[in-house]
Amino acid sequence: MEPKRIREGYLVKRGSVFNTWKPMWVVLLEDGIEFYKKKSDNSPKGMIPLKGSTLTSPCQDFGKRMFVFKITTTKQQDHFFQAAFLEERDAWVRDIKKAIKCIEGGQKFARKSTRRSIRLPETVDLGALYLSMKDTEKGIKELNLEKDKKIFNHCFTGNCVIDWLVSNKSVRNRQEGLMIASSLLGEGYLQPAGELSKNAADGTAENPFLDHPDAFYYFPDSGFFCEENSSDDDVILKEEFRGVIIKQGCLLKQGHRRKNWKVRKFVLREDPAYLHYYDPAGGEDPLGAIHLRGCVVTSVESNPDAVRKSEEENLFEIITAGEVHYFLQAATSKERTEWIKAIQVASRTGK
């Protein structure tokens, strides 16, 4: 049997020979990490065994390069990876750490089932409860919260979650609310934000969820992001960078001249609505920007310039108000749908 695929996606990897940073399609297996030059490649460019390896995160060996983590093998070989944003890095780190721990304990990698471990009643529908919590009128209100000179956007506190569960009669008391909230956290319906809630979620406490005003959480598809709170009042951002970030990640983009495809890191902002794209291997300044106000975005089922079948999958097109066409490719059909919906929302609400 082939090893189970735990997680896959684009990361930027530092080369072991020339020390250059290049985007790679990375696949986390139960026993190791494979990395490919392209998602469509059949053979990996390399493989990192996880048995006996150690993981360092955050790795701050490279100055301004953010969201880096390091894997050191038993042969003392260092492998450096860079994620596009903080939550993406943390998700990779959590799964890699768990994979290493499972290898050491001789166990199979499995997502934690809080329903069994916390003895959640079978009558509780976590999916339906999650949708109620996200309701724009009657659900939990998403806020911008500040702590330790950082601003956490689109999140809420642990005690607000318990307050909502009790007030909506989803639970009888706060203790029962903790059990339900811990289940939502374990099943991925809630995500921890900030050191306090992350430490509780990664620890061995009876309740990984905290009923506390300083414990922050967010919905996984809310557009959450964390930013440093600058004390310099003289910093004036360009108008196009003033918008709130609602989505970010890596996509393939087709060039306008050579029609070749390259991995780019995309950052979607609303009000004003812009989609900036960057070289994922480095550089603080964007390579370009797409003004989304009045644009049209649709899925594309075929690519006339495609050489291989894989180059026709999960495509979508943005046509700006100035009739400039951009062709992008997501890794999965689900990811394409998420990007299209997010861009449509930004194009209607942004300037």
Protein backbone atom coordinates (compact mmCIF):
# COMPACT_ATOMS: atom_id res chain seq x y z
CA MET A 1 0.00 0.00 0.00
CA GLU A 2 1.16 3.52 -0.79
CA PRO A 3 1.77 5.82 2.20
CA LYS A 4 -1.21 7.99 3.12
CA ARG A 5 -1.14 11.59 1.89
CA ILE A 6 -1.69 13.81 4.92
CA ARG A 7 -1.26 17.29 3.43
CA GLU A 8 -0.11 18.77 0.13
CA GLY A 9 0.33 22.21 -1.37
CA TYR A 10 2.81 24.82 -2.54
CA LEU A 11 5.69 25.79 -0.25
CA VAL A 12 8.94 27.61 -1.03
CA LYS A 13 11.98 25.38 -0.42
CA ARG A 14 15.61 26.38 -0.02
CA GLY A 15 17.93 24.44 -2.32
CA SER A 16 20.59 22.27 -0.69
CA VAL A 17 23.26 23.00 -3.34
CA PHE A 18 22.83 26.57 -4.61
CA ASN A 19 20.82 27.84 -1.58
CA THR A 20 18.22 29.44 -3.83
CA TRP A 21 14.57 29.55 -2.78
CA LYS A 22 12.06 28.05 -5.22
CA PRO A 23 8.36 27.13 -5.00
CA MET A 24 7.74 23.38 -4.85
CA TRP A 25 4.66 21.16 -4.70
CA VAL A 26 5.12 19.48 -1.31
CA VAL A 27 3.40 16.27 -0.17
CA LEU A 28 3.43 15.16 3.47
CA LEU A 29 3.20 11.37 3.78
CA GLU A 30 3.02 9.24 6.91
CA ASP A 31 6.74 8.46 6.73
CA GLY A 32 8.28 11.38 4.87
CA ILE A 33 7.97 14.51 2.74
CA GLU A 34 8.16 14.45 -1.06
CA PHE A 35 8.67 17.62 -3.09
CA TYR A 36 8.03 18.12 -6.79
CA LYS A 37 9.06 20.85 -9.21
CA LYS A 38 5.45 20.91 -10.50
CA LYS A 39 2.20 19.50 -9.15
CA SER A 40 1.77 17.60 -12.44
CA ASP A 41 5.17 15.80 -12.18
CA ASN A 42 5.01 12.04 -11.68
CA SER A 43 8.35 11.68 -9.90
CA PRO A 44 9.46 13.74 -6.88
CA LYS A 45 12.60 15.83 -7.03
CA GLY A 46 13.48 14.66 -3.53
CA MET A 47 12.26 12.92 -0.40
CA ILE A 48 12.88 13.72 3.27
CA PRO A 49 12.47 10.81 5.72
CA LEU A 50 10.73 11.85 8.93
CA LYS A 51 11.89 9.00 11.17
CA GLY A 52 14.21 10.50 13.78
CA SER A 53 13.87 14.00 12.29
CA THR A 54 13.32 17.15 14.32
CA LEU A 55 11.29 20.22 13.39
CA THR A 56 12.07 23.85 14.26
CA SER A 57 9.38 26.53 14.00
CA PRO A 58 9.58 29.42 13.78
CA CYS A 59 12.97 29.32 12.08
CA GLN A 60 14.56 32.76 12.09
CA ASP A 61 17.83 31.96 10.31
CA PHE A 62 17.03 34.16 7.32
CA GLY A 63 16.28 37.64 8.63
CA LYS A 64 13.31 39.14 6.84
CA ARG A 65 12.11 35.84 5.37
CA MET A 66 8.96 35.02 7.34
CA PHE A 67 6.95 31.84 8.06
CA VAL A 68 9.94 29.50 7.68
CA PHE A 69 10.27 26.11 9.38
CA LYS A 70 13.21 23.71 9.39
CA ILE A 71 13.38 19.91 9.30
CA THR A 72 16.64 18.32 10.44
CA THR A 73 17.12 14.65 9.51
CA THR A 74 19.08 12.00 11.43
CA LYS A 75 22.01 12.68 9.06
CA GLN A 76 21.98 16.33 10.26
CA GLN A 77 20.74 17.60 6.91
CA ASP A 78 18.67 20.78 7.20
CA HIS A 79 15.68 21.36 4.93
CA PHE A 80 14.05 24.80 4.98
CA PHE A 81 10.47 25.51 3.88
CA GLN A 82 8.58 28.80 3.73
CA ALA A 83 4.79 29.10 3.84
CA ALA A 84 2.77 31.93 2.32
CA PHE A 85 1.27 33.06 5.64
CA LEU A 86 1.26 32.27 9.36
CA GLU A 87 -1.78 29.96 9.51
CA GLU A 88 -0.50 27.91 6.58
CA ARG A 89 2.86 27.41 8.27
CA ASP A 90 1.23 26.42 11.56
CA ALA A 91 -0.98 23.86 9.82
CA TRP A 92 2.04 22.22 8.15
CA VAL A 93 4.01 22.26 11.39
CA ARG A 94 1.20 20.64 13.39
CA ASP A 95 0.80 17.79 10.90
CA ILE A 96 4.55 17.18 10.50
CA LYS A 97 5.04 17.10 14.28
CA LYS A 98 2.17 14.66 14.61
CA ALA A 99 3.55 12.46 11.80
CA ILE A 100 6.97 12.32 13.53
CA LYS A 101 5.32 11.48 16.85
CA CYS A 102 3.26 8.69 15.23
CA ILE A 103 6.41 7.18 13.69
CA GLU A 104 8.15 7.21 17.08
CA GLY A 105 5.16 5.54 18.75
CA GLY A 106 4.57 3.03 15.98
CA GLN A 107 1.09 4.47 15.33
CA LYS A 108 -0.90 5.34 12.22
CA PHE A 109 -1.51 9.03 11.53
CA ALA A 110 -5.17 9.86 12.21
CA ARG A 111 -7.06 13.09 12.73
CA LYS A 112 -8.10 13.43 16.33
CA SER A 113 -11.70 12.32 16.92
CA THR A 114 -13.00 14.49 19.72
CA ARG A 115 -16.41 12.84 19.54
CA ARG A 116 -14.91 9.65 21.01
CA SER A 117 -12.31 11.20 23.32
CA ILE A 118 -14.72 13.74 24.86
CA ARG A 119 -17.75 11.41 24.60
CA LEU A 120 -19.81 13.84 22.61
CA PRO A 121 -23.47 12.78 22.32
CA GLU A 122 -24.33 11.31 18.91
CA THR A 123 -27.33 13.68 18.69
CA VAL A 124 -25.05 16.74 18.43
CA ASP A 125 -24.55 17.84 14.80
CA LEU A 126 -21.30 19.84 14.81
CA GLY A 127 -21.68 20.83 11.15
CA ALA A 128 -25.13 22.36 11.71
CA LEU A 129 -23.93 24.09 14.89
CA TYR A 130 -20.97 25.55 12.99
CA LEU A 131 -23.30 27.04 10.34
CA SER A 132 -25.46 28.59 13.08
CA MET A 133 -22.37 30.11 14.71
CA LYS A 134 -21.39 31.68 11.37
CA ASP A 135 -24.84 33.20 10.72
CA THR A 136 -24.29 36.90 9.94
CA GLU A 137 -27.28 38.03 12.04
CA LYS A 138 -27.61 35.55 14.90
CA GLY A 139 -24.15 34.00 14.97
CA ILE A 140 -20.91 34.90 16.77
CA LYS A 141 -19.69 38.38 15.87
CA GLU A 142 -16.21 38.49 14.31
CA LEU A 143 -14.04 41.30 15.67
CA ASN A 144 -10.59 42.85 15.28
CA LEU A 145 -8.85 42.23 18.62
CA GLU A 146 -5.50 43.55 19.86
CA LYS A 147 -3.04 41.74 22.12
CA ASP A 148 0.76 41.90 22.60
CA LYS A 149 1.09 44.64 19.95
CA LYS A 150 -0.63 42.44 17.37
CA ILE A 151 -4.03 42.87 15.74
CA PHE A 152 -6.06 39.71 15.17
CA ASN A 153 -8.60 40.30 12.41
CA HIS A 154 -11.90 38.41 11.98
CA CYS A 155 -11.76 36.51 15.27
CA PHE A 156 -13.55 36.19 18.62
CA THR A 157 -12.77 35.20 22.20
CA GLY A 158 -13.23 31.85 23.90
CA ASN A 159 -15.69 33.16 26.47
CA CYS A 160 -17.80 34.68 23.65
CA VAL A 161 -18.14 31.21 22.13
CA ILE A 162 -19.35 29.74 25.43
CA ASP A 163 -21.67 32.74 25.99
CA TRP A 164 -23.21 32.15 22.55
CA LEU A 165 -23.68 28.40 23.11
CA VAL A 166 -25.40 29.02 26.47
CA SER A 167 -27.60 31.93 25.28
CA ASN A 168 -28.75 29.95 22.23
CA LYS A 169 -29.60 26.98 24.45
CA SER A 170 -27.19 24.76 22.52
CA VAL A 171 -25.81 23.66 25.92
CA ARG A 172 -27.16 23.61 29.47
CA ASN A 173 -24.15 25.18 31.18
CA ARG A 174 -20.63 26.47 30.58
CA GLN A 175 -18.99 23.12 31.39
CA GLU A 176 -21.05 21.45 28.67
CA GLY A 177 -20.21 24.39 26.42
CA LEU A 178 -16.50 23.69 26.93
CA MET A 179 -17.04 20.10 25.80
CA ILE A 180 -18.84 21.20 22.62
CA ALA A 181 -16.31 23.97 21.87
CA SER A 182 -13.42 21.52 22.33
CA SER A 183 -15.13 19.19 19.84
CA LEU A 184 -15.55 22.01 17.32
CA LEU A 185 -11.87 22.84 17.76
CA GLY A 186 -10.75 19.24 17.36
CA GLU A 187 -12.82 18.72 14.21
CA GLY A 188 -11.45 21.89 12.60
CA TYR A 189 -14.60 24.04 12.78
CA LEU A 190 -12.70 26.49 15.02
CA GLN A 191 -9.01 27.44 14.86
CA PRO A 192 -6.81 28.87 17.65
CA ALA A 193 -5.28 32.33 17.19
CA GLY A 194 -2.57 33.65 19.49
CA GLU A 195 -0.17 31.89 21.84
CA LEU A 196 -2.62 31.28 24.70
CA SER A 197 -5.21 29.37 22.67
CA LYS A 198 -2.59 27.60 20.52
CA ASN A 199 -0.71 26.31 23.57
CA ALA A 200 -3.94 24.97 25.05
CA ALA A 201 -4.92 23.30 21.76
CA ASP A 202 -1.50 21.64 21.36
CA GLY A 203 -1.26 20.60 25.03
CA THR A 204 -2.61 17.65 26.95
CA ALA A 205 -5.19 19.56 29.02
CA GLU A 206 -8.59 17.99 29.60
CA ASN A 207 -10.20 20.84 27.68
CA PRO A 208 -8.09 22.17 24.78
CA PHE A 209 -10.58 25.05 24.40
CA LEU A 210 -10.33 28.00 26.81
CA ASP A 211 -13.34 29.87 28.22
CA HIS A 212 -11.26 33.03 28.54
CA PRO A 213 -11.41 36.62 27.18
CA ASP A 214 -7.71 36.51 26.16
CA ALA A 215 -8.02 33.24 24.20
CA PHE A 216 -8.71 34.07 20.54
CA TYR A 217 -10.29 31.81 17.90
CA TYR A 218 -11.51 32.12 14.31
CA PHE A 219 -13.51 30.29 11.65
CA PRO A 220 -11.19 28.55 9.14
CA ASP A 221 -12.74 30.26 6.08
CA SER A 222 -13.29 33.69 7.63
CA GLY A 223 -10.32 35.52 6.12
CA PHE A 224 -8.55 35.68 9.50
CA PHE A 225 -5.07 37.21 9.59
CA CYS A 226 -2.74 38.67 12.17
CA GLU A 227 -0.67 41.82 11.73
CA GLU A 228 1.84 43.74 13.77
CA ASN A 229 0.51 46.99 15.22
CA SER A 230 2.94 49.68 14.05
CA SER A 231 3.42 52.63 16.37
CA ASP A 232 4.71 54.82 13.54
CA ASP A 233 1.83 57.17 12.71
CA ASP A 234 3.76 58.63 9.80
CA VAL A 235 3.58 55.48 7.72
CA ILE A 236 1.14 56.07 4.87
CA LEU A 237 0.21 53.03 2.79
CA LYS A 238 -0.60 53.23 -0.88
CA GLU A 239 -4.33 53.35 -1.48
CA GLU A 240 -4.38 49.86 -2.98
CA PHE A 241 -2.77 48.37 0.15
CA ARG A 242 -5.29 49.88 2.58
CA GLY A 243 -7.82 47.10 2.03
CA VAL A 244 -8.35 44.31 4.54
CA ILE A 245 -6.78 40.99 3.54
CA ILE A 246 -9.56 38.43 3.10
CA LYS A 247 -7.64 35.59 1.42
CA GLN A 248 -4.09 34.63 0.50
CA GLY A 249 -2.17 31.65 -0.85
CA CYS A 250 -0.26 30.28 -3.85
CA LEU A 251 -1.70 29.82 -7.35
CA LEU A 252 -0.28 29.24 -10.80
CA LYS A 253 -0.46 32.31 -13.06
CA GLN A 254 -0.08 32.38 -16.82
CA GLY A 255 2.25 35.04 -18.20
CA HIS A 256 0.83 37.49 -20.77
CA ARG A 257 3.79 37.34 -23.15
CA ARG A 258 5.33 33.87 -23.08
CA LYS A 259 2.17 32.13 -21.85
CA ASN A 260 4.27 30.14 -19.38
CA TRP A 261 2.95 29.22 -15.92
CA LYS A 262 4.64 30.24 -12.69
CA VAL A 263 3.75 29.85 -9.01
CA ARG A 264 2.81 33.17 -7.42
CA LYS A 265 1.71 34.14 -3.94
CA PHE A 266 -1.62 36.00 -4.15
CA VAL A 267 -3.05 38.39 -1.56
CA LEU A 268 -6.69 39.42 -1.94
CA ARG A 269 -7.80 42.70 -0.37
CA GLU A 270 -11.20 44.37 -0.26
CA ASP A 271 -12.19 48.03 -0.04
CA PRO A 272 -10.30 48.85 -2.18
CA ALA A 273 -10.50 45.53 -4.04
CA TYR A 274 -7.07 44.42 -5.28
CA LEU A 275 -5.39 41.09 -5.95
CA HIS A 276 -1.62 41.49 -5.56
CA TYR A 277 0.78 38.77 -6.63
CA TYR A 278 4.32 38.20 -5.41
CA ASP A 279 7.33 35.99 -6.08
CA PRO A 280 6.83 33.35 -3.35
CA ALA A 281 10.59 32.83 -3.15
CA GLY A 282 11.16 36.35 -1.83
CA GLY A 283 10.60 40.05 -2.29
CA GLU A 284 8.40 42.40 -0.25
CA ASP A 285 7.09 44.31 -3.27
CA PRO A 286 4.39 42.77 -5.48
CA LEU A 287 5.16 41.80 -9.07
CA GLY A 288 1.80 43.15 -10.11
CA ALA A 289 -1.73 44.02 -9.06
CA ILE A 290 -5.18 43.29 -10.46
CA HIS A 291 -7.82 45.94 -9.72
CA LEU A 292 -10.97 43.91 -9.10
CA ARG A 293 -13.66 46.60 -9.01
CA GLY A 294 -16.19 45.69 -11.71
CA CYS A 295 -14.26 42.59 -12.81
CA VAL A 296 -15.74 39.29 -13.99
CA VAL A 297 -14.35 36.00 -12.66
CA THR A 298 -15.36 32.59 -14.01
CA SER A 299 -14.11 29.02 -14.07
CA VAL A 300 -12.48 27.86 -17.30
CA GLU A 301 -12.80 24.27 -18.50
CA SER A 302 -10.13 24.32 -21.21
CA ASN A 303 -6.86 26.08 -21.88
CA PRO A 304 -5.97 26.55 -25.56
CA ASP A 305 -2.28 26.93 -24.67
CA ALA A 306 -2.17 23.73 -22.57
CA VAL A 307 0.48 21.16 -23.47
CA ARG A 308 -0.64 18.53 -20.95
CA LYS A 309 -4.02 17.55 -19.56
CA SER A 310 -2.97 18.69 -16.06
CA GLU A 311 -2.62 22.25 -17.37
CA GLU A 312 -6.37 22.35 -18.07
CA GLU A 313 -7.51 21.47 -14.54
CA ASN A 314 -8.97 23.91 -11.98
CA LEU A 315 -8.51 26.99 -14.15
CA PHE A 316 -10.29 30.31 -13.67
CA GLU A 317 -10.16 33.64 -15.46
CA ILE A 318 -10.37 37.23 -14.23
CA ILE A 319 -11.45 39.87 -16.75
CA THR A 320 -10.93 43.37 -15.39
CA ALA A 321 -13.08 46.42 -16.12
CA GLY A 322 -10.34 47.43 -18.58
CA GLU A 323 -10.75 44.06 -20.34
CA VAL A 324 -7.39 42.62 -19.30
CA HIS A 325 -7.52 38.82 -19.03
CA TYR A 326 -5.72 36.86 -16.30
CA PHE A 327 -5.63 33.04 -16.26
CA LEU A 328 -4.99 31.35 -12.90
CA GLN A 329 -4.88 27.72 -11.79
CA ALA A 330 -5.73 26.38 -8.33
CA ALA A 331 -4.49 23.09 -6.90
CA THR A 332 -7.97 21.62 -6.43
CA SER A 333 -11.53 22.21 -7.59
CA LYS A 334 -12.51 23.23 -4.04
CA GLU A 335 -9.70 25.78 -3.86
CA ARG A 336 -10.75 27.24 -7.24
CA THR A 337 -14.33 27.67 -6.02
CA GLU A 338 -13.13 29.38 -2.82
CA TRP A 339 -10.99 31.87 -4.77
CA ILE A 340 -13.77 32.64 -7.25
CA LYS A 341 -16.29 33.31 -4.46
CA ALA A 342 -13.85 35.49 -2.51
CA ILE A 343 -12.93 37.56 -5.60
CA GLN A 344 -16.60 38.00 -6.51
CA VAL A 345 -17.36 39.35 -3.03
CA ALA A 346 -14.38 41.72 -3.12
CA SER A 347 -15.26 43.01 -6.60
CA ARG A 348 -18.77 43.94 -5.48
CA THR A 349 -17.87 45.58 -2.17
CA GLY A 350 -14.50 47.17 -2.90
CA LYS A 351 -13.71 50.52 -4.50
